[in-house]
Amino acid sequence: MTGLGILGVVAIIGAVAEMIDGSLGMGFGVFSASLMIGAGFAPAIAVATVNARSVSLLLR
């Protein structure tokens, strides 16, 4: 998979997880990490991506 393809997969997973988080008020990390691992990403990469999103929200 190319870099652009990986970015697209992560963006789609993030958008779906954000919709769930917005409607329920929780669950972004669990849902997005589970989907990323299911899509074939290494668990360390999935957790690092979720943590990077959390840090970016703190810096807003």
Protein backbone atom coordinates (compact mmCIF):
# COMPACT_ATOMS: atom_id res chain seq x y z
CA MET A 1 0.00 0.00 0.00
CA THR A 2 1.30 3.43 -0.88
CA GLY A 3 1.66 6.31 1.53
CA LEU A 4 -1.41 8.01 0.11
CA GLY A 5 -3.43 4.80 0.47
CA ILE A 6 -2.41 4.46 4.12
CA LEU A 7 -3.36 8.08 4.74
CA GLY A 8 -6.75 7.47 3.16
CA VAL A 9 -7.42 4.41 5.33
CA VAL A 10 -6.42 6.29 8.49
CA ALA A 11 -8.58 9.28 7.47
CA ILE A 12 -11.65 7.11 6.86
CA ILE A 13 -11.18 5.25 10.16
CA GLY A 14 -10.70 8.56 11.96
CA ALA A 15 -13.83 10.07 10.42
CA VAL A 16 -15.99 7.08 11.37
CA ALA A 17 -14.52 6.98 14.88
CA GLU A 18 -15.09 10.72 15.29
CA MET A 19 -18.76 10.32 14.31
CA ILE A 20 -19.16 7.60 16.94
CA ASP A 21 -17.32 9.70 19.51
CA GLY A 22 -19.46 12.71 18.71
CA SER A 23 -22.71 10.80 18.99
CA LEU A 24 -21.83 8.81 22.11
CA GLY A 25 -19.41 11.22 23.73
CA MET A 26 -16.77 8.52 24.14
CA GLY A 27 -15.06 5.65 22.39
CA PHE A 28 -12.77 7.25 19.81
CA GLY A 29 -9.60 5.54 21.01
CA VAL A 30 -11.03 2.07 21.43
CA PHE A 31 -12.97 2.13 18.18
CA SER A 32 -10.25 3.63 15.98
CA ALA A 33 -7.45 1.46 17.42
CA SER A 34 -9.57 -1.67 16.93
CA LEU A 35 -10.36 -0.74 13.33
CA MET A 36 -6.73 0.09 12.56
CA ILE A 37 -5.53 -3.23 13.98
CA GLY A 38 -8.27 -4.98 12.01
CA ALA A 39 -7.11 -3.17 8.86
CA GLY A 40 -3.64 -4.64 9.32
CA PHE A 41 -1.73 -1.93 11.15
CA ALA A 42 0.68 -2.97 13.88
CA PRO A 43 -0.76 -2.41 17.38
CA ALA A 44 2.04 0.02 18.25
CA ILE A 45 1.24 2.14 15.17
CA ALA A 46 -2.48 2.14 15.98
CA VAL A 47 -1.90 3.27 19.57
CA ALA A 48 0.63 5.90 18.49
CA THR A 49 -1.86 7.31 15.97
CA VAL A 50 -4.61 7.54 18.59
CA ASN A 51 -2.22 9.20 21.04
CA ALA A 52 -1.08 11.69 18.39
CA ARG A 53 -4.71 12.65 17.85
CA SER A 54 -5.17 13.13 21.60
CA VAL A 55 -2.11 15.37 21.82
CA SER A 56 -3.30 17.43 18.86
CA LEU A 57 -6.62 18.04 20.63
CA LEU A 58 -4.79 19.28 23.72
CA LEU A 59 -2.79 21.78 21.67
CA ARG A 60 -5.84 23.45 20.13
